[in-house]
Amino acid sequence: MTDVGNERPLPAVNQRDASAVAPSARALALLLAGHRHYRTEGRPRARTSEDGFVAAVLSCAEPHVPADVLFGGLDVYAVRTAGLRTGPAVIGSIEYAVDGLGLPLVVVLGHSGCGLPAGSGPAQVRATATALRHGSRLLDAAVTDGRCGLVGMCWHDEHQLLSRILPVAVPPQRHPRRRPPSHRTVRRG
C-alpha cells in the first residue's frame, strides 16, 4: 500500500526483537504480528488461558472486523463507540485499562468505509487521539512519561489492510492558572 498523507503501511516486526524494547513497543509488535497472522491465515489464532490483555483498543462500533480478530486473536481490551466519539464513559474505560490493568498501549482504530456522518477514518483517528489526551490527565501523563503508548491505526475495508496514522503533534495539556483579582475587578462598596 502506498503512503496517503500521514498514513503509512505497517512495518514488519520481528517478535524476538520486541523483547528488548519498551512495553508499548512490545505490545505494538505483538499486535502487528497478530495482524500478519490474520492476513496470512484469514482467521484468528486460538487463545490460551494464560493470554492476557495486550493493549486497549478504541474502535468504531459500526460493523467491521472486530479488533481481536484483526489482531490475530490476541486478547485486547476493546472499547467501541459510534464514530470514535469520546465521553466520560469512554475516557473512564481507557483510564481503567491504563491505570487499573496496567496496559502499555492504547490504539485508536478507525476504518475507511465508515457509514457514520463524521466517519472514523484517519482524520477522526487523529481527532480522537487528541481528545483522549486532552480529556484525561491520567492518560496524558502516562503517554508523556512513557508508561503508555498511544497509536492511531486505520483499517482499509476495500484493501483489507491496516495502516498506522501518524499523529498531529498534541500539545501538552494546559491547565489555566487562577490569577488573583486585579484592583480594577474588585468592587469597593
N, C-alpha and C. Protein backbone atom coordinates (compact mmCIF):
# COMPACT_ATOMS: atom_id res chain seq x y z
N MET A 1 0.84 -1.17 0.00
CA MET A 1 0.00 0.00 0.00
C MET A 1 0.89 1.24 0.00
N THR A 2 0.51 2.21 -0.76
CA THR A 2 1.30 3.43 -0.84
C THR A 2 0.91 4.39 0.28
N ASP A 3 1.83 5.31 0.55
CA ASP A 3 1.56 6.30 1.59
C ASP A 3 0.47 7.25 1.11
N VAL A 4 -0.44 7.58 2.00
CA VAL A 4 -1.51 8.53 1.70
C VAL A 4 -1.50 9.57 2.81
N GLY A 5 -1.04 10.77 2.50
CA GLY A 5 -0.99 11.82 3.53
C GLY A 5 -0.11 11.38 4.69
N ASN A 6 -0.69 11.33 5.87
CA ASN A 6 0.05 10.92 7.06
C ASN A 6 -0.18 9.45 7.39
N GLU A 7 -0.65 8.66 6.43
CA GLU A 7 -0.82 7.23 6.66
C GLU A 7 0.42 6.52 6.17
N ARG A 8 0.81 5.50 6.87
CA ARG A 8 1.98 4.72 6.49
C ARG A 8 1.64 3.24 6.61
N PRO A 9 2.16 2.41 5.69
CA PRO A 9 1.94 0.98 5.85
C PRO A 9 2.63 0.50 7.13
N LEU A 10 2.09 -0.52 7.73
CA LEU A 10 2.67 -1.03 8.96
C LEU A 10 3.92 -1.83 8.66
N PRO A 11 4.99 -1.60 9.40
CA PRO A 11 6.24 -2.32 9.16
C PRO A 11 6.17 -3.74 9.69
N ALA A 12 6.99 -4.59 9.11
CA ALA A 12 7.13 -5.94 9.67
C ALA A 12 7.96 -5.82 10.94
N VAL A 13 7.58 -6.56 11.97
CA VAL A 13 8.28 -6.50 13.25
C VAL A 13 8.64 -7.91 13.64
N ASN A 14 9.90 -8.12 14.01
CA ASN A 14 10.36 -9.42 14.47
C ASN A 14 10.02 -9.54 15.94
N GLN A 15 9.24 -10.58 16.31
CA GLN A 15 8.82 -10.73 17.70
C GLN A 15 10.01 -10.91 18.65
N ARG A 16 11.08 -11.56 18.20
CA ARG A 16 12.24 -11.75 19.07
C ARG A 16 12.88 -10.42 19.43
N ASP A 17 12.89 -9.49 18.49
CA ASP A 17 13.47 -8.17 18.75
C ASP A 17 12.60 -7.36 19.71
N ALA A 18 11.32 -7.68 19.81
CA ALA A 18 10.39 -6.90 20.62
C ALA A 18 10.64 -7.04 22.11
N SER A 19 11.31 -8.12 22.54
CA SER A 19 11.51 -8.33 23.98
C SER A 19 12.51 -7.36 24.59
N ALA A 20 13.34 -6.72 23.76
CA ALA A 20 14.36 -5.81 24.28
C ALA A 20 13.93 -4.34 24.23
N VAL A 21 12.68 -4.09 23.95
CA VAL A 21 12.22 -2.71 23.81
C VAL A 21 11.18 -2.37 24.87
N ALA A 22 10.73 -1.13 24.86
CA ALA A 22 9.75 -0.65 25.82
C ALA A 22 8.46 -1.46 25.74
N PRO A 23 7.72 -1.54 26.85
CA PRO A 23 6.47 -2.31 26.85
C PRO A 23 5.47 -1.88 25.78
N SER A 24 5.36 -0.58 25.50
CA SER A 24 4.41 -0.14 24.48
C SER A 24 4.85 -0.62 23.09
N ALA A 25 6.14 -0.58 22.82
CA ALA A 25 6.65 -1.07 21.54
C ALA A 25 6.50 -2.59 21.44
N ARG A 26 6.67 -3.28 22.54
CA ARG A 26 6.49 -4.73 22.57
C ARG A 26 5.02 -5.08 22.30
N ALA A 27 4.10 -4.34 22.91
CA ALA A 27 2.68 -4.58 22.68
C ALA A 27 2.32 -4.30 21.22
N LEU A 28 2.87 -3.23 20.66
CA LEU A 28 2.62 -2.92 19.26
C LEU A 28 3.16 -4.02 18.36
N ALA A 29 4.35 -4.53 18.68
CA ALA A 29 4.93 -5.62 17.89
C ALA A 29 4.04 -6.87 17.94
N LEU A 30 3.50 -7.17 19.11
CA LEU A 30 2.59 -8.32 19.22
C LEU A 30 1.34 -8.11 18.38
N LEU A 31 0.77 -6.90 18.42
CA LEU A 31 -0.42 -6.62 17.62
C LEU A 31 -0.12 -6.75 16.12
N LEU A 32 1.03 -6.24 15.69
CA LEU A 32 1.39 -6.33 14.29
C LEU A 32 1.63 -7.77 13.85
N ALA A 33 2.24 -8.56 14.73
CA ALA A 33 2.44 -9.99 14.43
C ALA A 33 1.08 -10.70 14.35
N GLY A 34 0.17 -10.33 15.25
CA GLY A 34 -1.18 -10.90 15.21
C GLY A 34 -1.90 -10.51 13.93
N HIS A 35 -1.72 -9.28 13.49
CA HIS A 35 -2.35 -8.84 12.25
C HIS A 35 -1.77 -9.60 11.05
N ARG A 36 -0.46 -9.81 11.05
CA ARG A 36 0.14 -10.60 9.97
C ARG A 36 -0.45 -12.00 9.95
N HIS A 37 -0.66 -12.59 11.13
CA HIS A 37 -1.28 -13.92 11.20
C HIS A 37 -2.68 -13.88 10.59
N TYR A 38 -3.46 -12.87 10.94
CA TYR A 38 -4.81 -12.73 10.40
C TYR A 38 -4.76 -12.60 8.88
N ARG A 39 -3.82 -11.80 8.36
CA ARG A 39 -3.73 -11.60 6.90
C ARG A 39 -3.31 -12.88 6.18
N THR A 40 -2.43 -13.66 6.78
CA THR A 40 -1.95 -14.86 6.09
C THR A 40 -2.87 -16.07 6.31
N GLU A 41 -3.44 -16.18 7.48
CA GLU A 41 -4.28 -17.34 7.81
C GLU A 41 -5.77 -17.09 7.56
N GLY A 42 -6.18 -15.82 7.58
CA GLY A 42 -7.57 -15.50 7.35
C GLY A 42 -8.48 -15.72 8.55
N ARG A 43 -7.89 -16.11 9.65
CA ARG A 43 -8.67 -16.33 10.87
C ARG A 43 -7.76 -16.09 12.08
N PRO A 44 -8.36 -15.81 13.23
CA PRO A 44 -7.53 -15.57 14.42
C PRO A 44 -6.96 -16.88 14.95
N ARG A 45 -5.87 -16.78 15.67
CA ARG A 45 -5.29 -17.95 16.32
C ARG A 45 -6.12 -18.30 17.54
N ALA A 46 -6.01 -19.52 17.99
CA ALA A 46 -6.74 -19.95 19.19
C ALA A 46 -6.09 -19.32 20.41
N ARG A 47 -6.91 -18.82 21.31
CA ARG A 47 -6.40 -18.23 22.54
C ARG A 47 -6.09 -19.32 23.55
N THR A 48 -5.12 -19.01 24.40
CA THR A 48 -4.82 -19.91 25.50
C THR A 48 -5.28 -19.25 26.79
N SER A 49 -5.46 -20.02 27.83
CA SER A 49 -5.99 -19.48 29.08
C SER A 49 -5.03 -18.49 29.75
N GLU A 50 -3.73 -18.57 29.45
CA GLU A 50 -2.80 -17.64 30.10
C GLU A 50 -2.64 -16.33 29.33
N ASP A 51 -3.28 -16.21 28.17
CA ASP A 51 -3.22 -14.95 27.44
C ASP A 51 -3.91 -13.86 28.25
N GLY A 52 -3.29 -12.72 28.33
CA GLY A 52 -3.89 -11.56 28.99
C GLY A 52 -4.06 -10.45 27.97
N PHE A 53 -4.63 -9.35 28.40
CA PHE A 53 -4.80 -8.22 27.51
C PHE A 53 -3.44 -7.72 27.04
N VAL A 54 -3.33 -7.45 25.75
CA VAL A 54 -2.09 -6.92 25.18
C VAL A 54 -2.15 -5.40 25.14
N ALA A 55 -3.32 -4.86 24.78
CA ALA A 55 -3.48 -3.41 24.63
C ALA A 55 -4.95 -3.06 24.74
N ALA A 56 -5.22 -1.78 24.94
CA ALA A 56 -6.59 -1.28 24.88
C ALA A 56 -6.81 -0.78 23.46
N VAL A 57 -7.96 -1.11 22.88
CA VAL A 57 -8.27 -0.69 21.52
C VAL A 57 -9.62 0.02 21.52
N LEU A 58 -9.61 1.29 21.17
CA LEU A 58 -10.84 2.07 20.99
C LEU A 58 -11.15 2.03 19.51
N SER A 59 -12.28 1.42 19.16
CA SER A 59 -12.64 1.30 17.75
C SER A 59 -14.08 1.73 17.51
N CYS A 60 -14.40 1.89 16.25
CA CYS A 60 -15.74 2.30 15.84
C CYS A 60 -16.71 1.15 16.06
N ALA A 61 -17.93 1.49 16.48
CA ALA A 61 -18.94 0.47 16.75
C ALA A 61 -19.59 -0.06 15.48
N GLU A 62 -19.43 0.65 14.37
CA GLU A 62 -20.03 0.18 13.12
C GLU A 62 -19.40 -1.16 12.75
N PRO A 63 -20.21 -2.09 12.25
CA PRO A 63 -19.66 -3.42 11.94
C PRO A 63 -18.50 -3.38 10.96
N HIS A 64 -17.42 -3.92 11.36
CA HIS A 64 -16.25 -4.22 10.54
C HIS A 64 -15.52 -5.32 11.27
N VAL A 65 -14.35 -5.66 10.88
CA VAL A 65 -13.63 -6.74 11.54
C VAL A 65 -13.36 -6.34 12.99
N PRO A 66 -13.81 -7.14 13.98
CA PRO A 66 -13.54 -6.82 15.39
C PRO A 66 -12.04 -6.79 15.67
N ALA A 67 -11.65 -5.95 16.62
CA ALA A 67 -10.23 -5.74 16.93
C ALA A 67 -9.52 -7.03 17.29
N ASP A 68 -10.15 -7.89 18.10
CA ASP A 68 -9.44 -9.12 18.49
C ASP A 68 -9.19 -10.02 17.28
N VAL A 69 -10.09 -10.05 16.31
CA VAL A 69 -9.89 -10.84 15.09
C VAL A 69 -8.83 -10.17 14.22
N LEU A 70 -8.92 -8.86 14.04
CA LEU A 70 -7.99 -8.12 13.21
C LEU A 70 -6.56 -8.27 13.69
N PHE A 71 -6.37 -8.40 15.01
CA PHE A 71 -5.04 -8.58 15.57
C PHE A 71 -4.74 -10.05 15.84
N GLY A 72 -5.31 -10.92 15.06
CA GLY A 72 -4.94 -12.33 15.06
C GLY A 72 -5.40 -13.12 16.25
N GLY A 73 -6.43 -12.68 16.95
CA GLY A 73 -6.94 -13.43 18.09
C GLY A 73 -6.32 -13.04 19.42
N LEU A 74 -5.46 -12.02 19.40
CA LEU A 74 -4.90 -11.56 20.67
C LEU A 74 -6.01 -10.95 21.52
N ASP A 75 -5.87 -11.07 22.81
CA ASP A 75 -6.87 -10.54 23.73
C ASP A 75 -6.62 -9.05 23.91
N VAL A 76 -7.56 -8.24 23.42
CA VAL A 76 -7.45 -6.79 23.58
C VAL A 76 -8.61 -6.30 24.43
N TYR A 77 -8.35 -5.25 25.18
CA TYR A 77 -9.39 -4.60 25.97
C TYR A 77 -10.11 -3.67 25.01
N ALA A 78 -11.27 -4.11 24.53
CA ALA A 78 -11.97 -3.40 23.45
C ALA A 78 -13.01 -2.43 24.00
N VAL A 79 -12.96 -1.21 23.47
CA VAL A 79 -13.95 -0.18 23.75
C VAL A 79 -14.45 0.27 22.38
N ARG A 80 -15.76 0.19 22.15
CA ARG A 80 -16.30 0.56 20.84
C ARG A 80 -17.32 1.68 21.00
N THR A 81 -17.20 2.70 20.15
CA THR A 81 -18.15 3.81 20.16
C THR A 81 -18.49 4.18 18.72
N ALA A 82 -19.64 4.79 18.54
CA ALA A 82 -20.05 5.24 17.21
C ALA A 82 -19.13 6.36 16.75
N GLY A 83 -18.44 6.14 15.64
CA GLY A 83 -17.58 7.18 15.08
C GLY A 83 -16.41 7.61 15.93
N LEU A 84 -15.96 6.75 16.81
CA LEU A 84 -14.81 7.03 17.69
C LEU A 84 -15.06 8.22 18.60
N ARG A 85 -16.29 8.42 19.01
CA ARG A 85 -16.62 9.54 19.89
C ARG A 85 -16.13 9.24 21.30
N THR A 86 -15.69 10.28 21.98
CA THR A 86 -15.24 10.14 23.36
C THR A 86 -16.21 10.84 24.28
N GLY A 87 -16.25 10.41 25.49
CA GLY A 87 -17.07 10.99 26.53
C GLY A 87 -16.60 10.42 27.85
N PRO A 88 -17.27 10.73 28.93
CA PRO A 88 -16.82 10.26 30.25
C PRO A 88 -16.69 8.74 30.35
N ALA A 89 -17.62 7.99 29.79
CA ALA A 89 -17.55 6.53 29.89
C ALA A 89 -16.36 5.97 29.10
N VAL A 90 -16.13 6.52 27.93
CA VAL A 90 -15.01 6.06 27.10
C VAL A 90 -13.69 6.42 27.78
N ILE A 91 -13.56 7.65 28.22
CA ILE A 91 -12.32 8.09 28.87
C ILE A 91 -12.10 7.28 30.14
N GLY A 92 -13.14 7.04 30.91
CA GLY A 92 -13.02 6.22 32.12
C GLY A 92 -12.57 4.81 31.81
N SER A 93 -13.10 4.23 30.74
CA SER A 93 -12.71 2.87 30.33
C SER A 93 -11.24 2.81 29.92
N ILE A 94 -10.79 3.82 29.17
CA ILE A 94 -9.39 3.86 28.74
C ILE A 94 -8.48 4.10 29.95
N GLU A 95 -8.89 4.97 30.86
CA GLU A 95 -8.09 5.21 32.07
C GLU A 95 -7.98 3.93 32.90
N TYR A 96 -9.07 3.17 33.00
CA TYR A 96 -9.03 1.90 33.73
C TYR A 96 -8.05 0.94 33.07
N ALA A 97 -8.05 0.88 31.75
CA ALA A 97 -7.13 -0.01 31.03
C ALA A 97 -5.68 0.36 31.32
N VAL A 98 -5.39 1.67 31.33
CA VAL A 98 -4.02 2.13 31.53
C VAL A 98 -3.62 2.04 33.00
N ASP A 99 -4.45 2.56 33.89
CA ASP A 99 -4.09 2.64 35.31
C ASP A 99 -4.46 1.37 36.07
N GLY A 100 -5.66 0.86 35.86
CA GLY A 100 -6.11 -0.31 36.60
C GLY A 100 -5.51 -1.62 36.12
N LEU A 101 -5.47 -1.79 34.78
CA LEU A 101 -4.93 -3.03 34.21
C LEU A 101 -3.45 -2.93 33.86
N GLY A 102 -2.93 -1.72 33.84
CA GLY A 102 -1.52 -1.52 33.52
C GLY A 102 -1.16 -1.80 32.07
N LEU A 103 -2.09 -1.60 31.15
CA LEU A 103 -1.80 -1.87 29.75
C LEU A 103 -0.86 -0.80 29.19
N PRO A 104 0.16 -1.22 28.44
CA PRO A 104 1.18 -0.28 27.98
C PRO A 104 0.86 0.43 26.66
N LEU A 105 -0.32 0.13 26.06
CA LEU A 105 -0.60 0.69 24.75
C LEU A 105 -2.10 0.91 24.58
N VAL A 106 -2.45 2.07 24.02
CA VAL A 106 -3.82 2.37 23.62
C VAL A 106 -3.80 2.59 22.12
N VAL A 107 -4.68 1.87 21.41
CA VAL A 107 -4.78 2.00 19.96
C VAL A 107 -6.14 2.62 19.64
N VAL A 108 -6.13 3.69 18.85
CA VAL A 108 -7.36 4.26 18.31
C VAL A 108 -7.48 3.69 16.90
N LEU A 109 -8.50 2.86 16.70
CA LEU A 109 -8.65 2.12 15.44
C LEU A 109 -9.89 2.57 14.69
N GLY A 110 -9.67 3.27 13.59
CA GLY A 110 -10.77 3.68 12.73
C GLY A 110 -10.84 2.78 11.52
N HIS A 111 -11.77 3.09 10.62
CA HIS A 111 -11.83 2.34 9.37
C HIS A 111 -12.33 3.24 8.26
N SER A 112 -11.84 2.97 7.05
CA SER A 112 -12.06 3.87 5.93
C SER A 112 -13.49 3.86 5.40
N GLY A 113 -14.21 2.78 5.55
CA GLY A 113 -15.55 2.69 4.96
C GLY A 113 -16.65 3.00 5.95
N CYS A 114 -16.41 3.86 6.92
CA CYS A 114 -17.39 4.14 7.95
C CYS A 114 -18.60 4.86 7.35
N GLY A 115 -19.78 4.39 7.68
CA GLY A 115 -21.00 4.98 7.18
C GLY A 115 -21.59 6.04 8.08
N LEU A 116 -20.97 6.31 9.22
CA LEU A 116 -21.48 7.33 10.13
C LEU A 116 -21.17 8.73 9.59
N PRO A 117 -21.99 9.72 9.94
CA PRO A 117 -21.81 11.06 9.36
C PRO A 117 -20.39 11.63 9.44
N ALA A 118 -19.76 11.58 10.59
CA ALA A 118 -18.40 12.12 10.71
C ALA A 118 -17.35 11.09 10.33
N GLY A 119 -17.76 9.83 10.19
CA GLY A 119 -16.84 8.77 9.82
C GLY A 119 -15.87 8.43 10.94
N SER A 120 -15.00 7.47 10.66
CA SER A 120 -13.96 7.11 11.63
C SER A 120 -12.65 6.86 10.89
N GLY A 121 -12.43 7.61 9.81
CA GLY A 121 -11.21 7.48 9.04
C GLY A 121 -10.04 8.17 9.70
N PRO A 122 -8.96 8.38 8.95
CA PRO A 122 -7.73 8.94 9.51
C PRO A 122 -7.89 10.26 10.25
N ALA A 123 -8.68 11.18 9.71
CA ALA A 123 -8.85 12.47 10.40
C ALA A 123 -9.52 12.29 11.75
N GLN A 124 -10.51 11.40 11.81
CA GLN A 124 -11.20 11.16 13.08
C GLN A 124 -10.30 10.41 14.06
N VAL A 125 -9.46 9.53 13.57
CA VAL A 125 -8.50 8.83 14.44
C VAL A 125 -7.60 9.85 15.12
N ARG A 126 -7.07 10.79 14.35
CA ARG A 126 -6.21 11.84 14.93
C ARG A 126 -6.98 12.68 15.94
N ALA A 127 -8.19 13.07 15.58
CA ALA A 127 -9.01 13.90 16.48
C ALA A 127 -9.32 13.16 17.77
N THR A 128 -9.60 11.87 17.67
CA THR A 128 -9.92 11.07 18.86
C THR A 128 -8.71 10.91 19.76
N ALA A 129 -7.55 10.66 19.17
CA ALA A 129 -6.32 10.54 19.97
C ALA A 129 -6.05 11.84 20.73
N THR A 130 -6.25 12.95 20.05
CA THR A 130 -6.07 14.25 20.69
C THR A 130 -7.09 14.45 21.80
N ALA A 131 -8.35 14.10 21.53
CA ALA A 131 -9.41 14.26 22.54
C ALA A 131 -9.15 13.39 23.76
N LEU A 132 -8.62 12.19 23.57
CA LEU A 132 -8.31 11.32 24.71
C LEU A 132 -7.25 11.96 25.59
N ARG A 133 -6.20 12.48 24.98
CA ARG A 133 -5.14 13.10 25.78
C ARG A 133 -5.61 14.35 26.47
N HIS A 134 -6.39 15.16 25.79
CA HIS A 134 -6.88 16.40 26.40
C HIS A 134 -7.97 16.14 27.42
N GLY A 135 -8.69 15.04 27.27
CA GLY A 135 -9.79 14.73 28.19
C GLY A 135 -9.38 13.96 29.42
N SER A 136 -8.15 13.47 29.44
CA SER A 136 -7.71 12.64 30.56
C SER A 136 -6.30 13.05 31.01
N ARG A 137 -6.21 13.63 32.19
CA ARG A 137 -4.89 13.95 32.74
C ARG A 137 -4.09 12.68 32.97
N LEU A 138 -4.77 11.61 33.39
CA LEU A 138 -4.09 10.34 33.66
C LEU A 138 -3.44 9.80 32.38
N LEU A 139 -4.19 9.74 31.28
CA LEU A 139 -3.65 9.22 30.03
C LEU A 139 -2.56 10.14 29.50
N ASP A 140 -2.78 11.45 29.56
CA ASP A 140 -1.78 12.39 29.08
C ASP A 140 -0.47 12.22 29.85
N ALA A 141 -0.55 12.07 31.17
CA ALA A 141 0.66 11.89 31.98
C ALA A 141 1.34 10.55 31.65
N ALA A 142 0.55 9.49 31.45
CA ALA A 142 1.12 8.17 31.13
C ALA A 142 1.83 8.20 29.79
N VAL A 143 1.27 8.89 28.80
CA VAL A 143 1.91 9.00 27.49
C VAL A 143 3.15 9.88 27.58
N THR A 144 3.04 11.00 28.26
CA THR A 144 4.17 11.92 28.41
C THR A 144 5.33 11.26 29.14
N ASP A 145 5.03 10.49 30.19
CA ASP A 145 6.06 9.81 30.98
C ASP A 145 6.60 8.54 30.32
N GLY A 146 5.98 8.09 29.24
CA GLY A 146 6.42 6.88 28.55
C GLY A 146 5.89 5.60 29.16
N ARG A 147 4.94 5.70 30.10
CA ARG A 147 4.36 4.48 30.69
C ARG A 147 3.36 3.82 29.76
N CYS A 148 2.87 4.58 28.78
CA CYS A 148 1.86 4.07 27.86
C CYS A 148 2.05 4.73 26.50
N GLY A 149 1.86 3.95 25.46
CA GLY A 149 1.90 4.50 24.11
C GLY A 149 0.49 4.75 23.61
N LEU A 150 0.34 5.68 22.69
CA LEU A 150 -0.95 5.99 22.07
C LEU A 150 -0.72 5.98 20.56
N VAL A 151 -1.39 5.04 19.87
CA VAL A 151 -1.15 4.83 18.45
C VAL A 151 -2.48 4.90 17.71
N GLY A 152 -2.46 5.53 16.55
CA GLY A 152 -3.63 5.56 15.68
C GLY A 152 -3.44 4.60 14.52
N MET A 153 -4.50 3.86 14.19
CA MET A 153 -4.48 2.96 13.05
C MET A 153 -5.81 3.05 12.31
N CYS A 154 -5.78 2.67 11.03
CA CYS A 154 -7.00 2.69 10.23
C CYS A 154 -7.07 1.41 9.41
N TRP A 155 -8.22 0.74 9.48
CA TRP A 155 -8.49 -0.46 8.70
C TRP A 155 -9.11 -0.01 7.39
N HIS A 156 -8.49 -0.38 6.29
CA HIS A 156 -8.98 -0.02 4.96
C HIS A 156 -9.80 -1.19 4.43
N ASP A 157 -11.13 -1.05 4.55
CA ASP A 157 -12.04 -2.12 4.18
C ASP A 157 -11.81 -2.61 2.74
N GLU A 158 -11.66 -1.66 1.82
CA GLU A 158 -11.56 -2.02 0.40
C GLU A 158 -10.29 -2.79 0.07
N HIS A 159 -9.20 -2.55 0.79
CA HIS A 159 -7.93 -3.23 0.53
C HIS A 159 -7.61 -4.30 1.55
N GLN A 160 -8.42 -4.39 2.61
CA GLN A 160 -8.17 -5.32 3.71
C GLN A 160 -6.78 -5.12 4.29
N LEU A 161 -6.42 -3.86 4.50
CA LEU A 161 -5.11 -3.50 5.04
C LEU A 161 -5.26 -2.61 6.26
N LEU A 162 -4.30 -2.69 7.13
CA LEU A 162 -4.23 -1.86 8.33
C LEU A 162 -3.06 -0.91 8.15
N SER A 163 -3.26 0.38 8.39
CA SER A 163 -2.16 1.34 8.29
C SER A 163 -2.09 2.15 9.58
N ARG A 164 -0.90 2.61 9.86
CA ARG A 164 -0.68 3.44 11.04
C ARG A 164 -0.95 4.89 10.66
N ILE A 165 -1.63 5.60 11.52
CA ILE A 165 -1.94 7.00 11.30
C ILE A 165 -0.97 7.81 12.14
N LEU A 166 -0.16 8.61 11.47
CA LEU A 166 0.80 9.43 12.20
C LEU A 166 0.06 10.58 12.86
N PRO A 167 0.40 10.85 14.12
CA PRO A 167 -0.35 11.88 14.85
C PRO A 167 0.03 13.29 14.43
N VAL A 168 -0.91 14.15 14.61
CA VAL A 168 -0.61 15.57 14.56
C VAL A 168 -0.07 15.87 15.95
N ALA A 169 0.93 16.69 16.05
CA ALA A 169 1.53 16.97 17.35
C ALA A 169 0.46 17.41 18.35
N VAL A 170 0.42 16.72 19.46
CA VAL A 170 -0.53 17.04 20.52
C VAL A 170 0.19 17.88 21.56
N PRO A 171 -0.20 19.15 21.67
CA PRO A 171 0.47 19.96 22.68
C PRO A 171 0.13 19.46 24.08
N PRO A 172 1.01 19.64 25.03
CA PRO A 172 0.71 19.21 26.39
C PRO A 172 -0.51 19.95 26.91
N GLN A 173 -1.20 19.30 27.83
CA GLN A 173 -2.38 19.93 28.42
C GLN A 173 -1.97 21.20 29.12
N ARG A 174 -2.78 22.20 28.96
CA ARG A 174 -2.55 23.46 29.66
C ARG A 174 -3.70 23.64 30.61
N HIS A 175 -3.37 23.74 31.84
CA HIS A 175 -4.38 23.97 32.87
C HIS A 175 -4.33 25.44 33.25
N PRO A 176 -5.45 26.12 33.09
CA PRO A 176 -5.43 27.56 33.36
C PRO A 176 -5.04 27.86 34.80
N ARG A 177 -4.21 28.86 34.94
CA ARG A 177 -3.83 29.30 36.29
C ARG A 177 -4.85 30.32 36.76
N ARG A 178 -5.14 30.26 38.00
CA ARG A 178 -6.02 31.27 38.56
C ARG A 178 -5.17 32.46 38.99
N ARG A 179 -5.59 33.58 38.53
CA ARG A 179 -4.87 34.80 38.89
C ARG A 179 -5.65 35.52 39.97
N PRO A 180 -4.95 36.16 40.86
CA PRO A 180 -5.67 36.95 41.86
C PRO A 180 -6.36 38.11 41.16
N PRO A 181 -7.49 38.51 41.66
CA PRO A 181 -8.19 39.62 41.01
C PRO A 181 -7.35 40.89 41.05
N SER A 182 -7.41 41.63 39.99
CA SER A 182 -6.68 42.89 39.97
C SER A 182 -7.48 43.94 40.73
N HIS A 183 -6.85 45.02 41.03
CA HIS A 183 -7.54 46.07 41.78
C HIS A 183 -8.70 46.64 40.97
N ARG A 184 -8.69 46.48 39.65
CA ARG A 184 -9.75 47.01 38.81
C ARG A 184 -11.01 46.14 38.89
N THR A 185 -10.84 44.85 39.16
CA THR A 185 -12.02 43.97 39.16
C THR A 185 -12.64 43.82 40.55
N VAL A 186 -11.98 44.31 41.57
CA VAL A 186 -12.52 44.21 42.92
C VAL A 186 -13.44 45.40 43.16
N ARG A 187 -14.67 45.08 43.47
CA ARG A 187 -15.64 46.16 43.73
C ARG A 187 -15.48 46.67 45.15
N ARG A 188 -15.51 47.91 45.23
CA ARG A 188 -15.43 48.51 46.57
C ARG A 188 -16.80 49.07 46.92
N GLY A 189 -17.19 48.81 48.08
CA GLY A 189 -18.54 49.18 48.48
C GLY A 189 -18.67 50.36 49.25
